[in-house]
Protein backbone atom coordinates (compact mmCIF):
# COMPACT_ATOMS: atom_id res chain seq x y z
CA MET A 1 -37.79 -44.98 28.55
CA LEU A 2 -39.90 -41.85 27.97
CA ARG A 3 -41.67 -41.41 24.67
CA SER A 4 -41.34 -38.20 22.71
CA ALA A 5 -44.41 -36.02 22.18
CA PRO A 6 -44.72 -36.91 18.46
CA GLN A 7 -44.49 -40.63 19.25
CA SER A 8 -47.18 -40.28 21.96
CA TRP A 9 -49.39 -38.40 19.49
CA ILE A 10 -48.95 -41.11 16.85
CA ILE A 11 -49.97 -43.79 19.35
CA ALA A 12 -53.00 -41.75 20.47
CA VAL A 13 -54.13 -41.18 16.87
CA ARG A 14 -54.10 -44.89 16.11
CA THR A 15 -56.48 -45.69 18.98
CA PRO A 16 -59.73 -44.25 17.55
CA ASP A 17 -61.17 -45.14 14.17
CA LEU A 18 -59.59 -42.36 12.10
CA PRO A 19 -58.21 -44.01 8.95
CA ARG A 20 -57.07 -40.76 7.35
CA LEU A 21 -55.02 -39.87 10.40
CA HIS A 22 -53.66 -43.42 10.50
CA ALA A 23 -52.13 -42.92 7.06
CA PHE A 24 -50.70 -39.55 8.12
CA ALA A 25 -49.26 -41.07 11.30
CA THR A 26 -47.68 -43.88 9.29
CA GLY A 27 -46.03 -41.31 7.02
CA LEU A 28 -44.70 -39.44 10.06
CA GLU A 29 -43.24 -42.63 11.47
CA GLU A 30 -41.58 -43.57 8.19
CA ASP A 31 -39.83 -40.21 8.00
CA GLN A 32 -39.60 -39.39 11.69
CA GLY A 33 -35.98 -38.25 11.53
CA ALA A 34 -36.72 -35.63 8.88
CA VAL A 35 -39.87 -34.50 10.69
CA LEU A 36 -37.99 -33.97 13.97
CA GLN A 37 -35.19 -32.12 12.18
CA GLY A 38 -37.72 -29.90 10.41
CA LEU A 39 -39.41 -29.01 13.68
CA SER A 40 -36.28 -28.50 15.73
CA THR A 41 -34.03 -26.40 13.47
CA ARG A 42 -34.32 -22.71 12.70
CA TRP A 43 -34.00 -23.24 8.95
CA ASN A 44 -37.10 -23.37 6.77
CA SER A 45 -38.13 -23.03 3.14
CA GLY A 46 -40.93 -20.52 3.76
CA PRO A 47 -39.51 -17.66 1.66
CA VAL A 48 -38.77 -19.99 -1.26
CA GLU A 49 -42.23 -21.55 -1.09
CA GLY A 50 -43.76 -18.06 -1.07
CA CYS A 51 -41.91 -17.13 -4.26
CA VAL A 52 -42.90 -20.38 -5.97
CA ASN A 53 -46.53 -19.86 -4.93
CA HIS A 54 -46.47 -16.31 -6.35
CA ILE A 55 -45.02 -17.47 -9.68
CA LYS A 56 -47.69 -20.17 -9.97
CA MET A 57 -50.42 -17.60 -9.24
CA VAL A 58 -49.15 -15.29 -12.01
CA LYS A 59 -48.95 -18.24 -14.39
CA ARG A 60 -52.55 -19.24 -13.62
CA GLN A 61 -53.76 -15.66 -14.14
CA MET A 62 -52.17 -15.54 -17.59
CA LEU A 63 -53.07 -19.07 -18.70
CA GLY A 64 -53.76 -19.06 -22.44
CA ARG A 65 -53.36 -15.28 -22.71
CA ALA A 66 -49.67 -14.82 -23.33
CA LYS A 67 -46.53 -16.53 -24.51
CA LEU A 68 -43.41 -17.11 -22.44
CA PRO A 69 -41.71 -13.69 -22.99
CA LEU A 70 -44.66 -11.76 -21.53
CA LEU A 71 -45.11 -14.26 -18.71
CA ARG A 72 -41.39 -13.96 -17.85
CA LYS A 73 -41.58 -10.17 -17.86
CA ARG A 74 -44.62 -10.12 -15.59
CA VAL A 75 -43.08 -12.60 -13.11
CA LEU A 76 -39.89 -10.53 -12.91
CA LEU A 77 -41.75 -7.23 -12.54
CA THR A 78 -44.07 -8.50 -9.80
CA ALA A 79 -41.15 -10.12 -7.97
CA ALA A 80 -39.26 -6.80 -8.02
CA ALA A 81 -42.35 -4.92 -6.82
CA ASN A 82 -42.81 -7.31 -3.86
CA ARG A 83 -39.33 -6.67 -2.42
């Protein structure tokens, strides 16, 4: 039986003394089905993550300077400008 590339990589990572990569490899093995699906399908959450990242940036910029109504207005205006 041939091993898949991710499985071969996980085995190779465990050989040297790299404890941080060991933990990462263990996580990959535990959720290997989801990892393979995420890498092999054309669907992704990139656009959504970009919007969330932008909203968090605006929130950080305005931290302690404004209440919710102004923050909401700025998020909506910058989102419309980025289209």
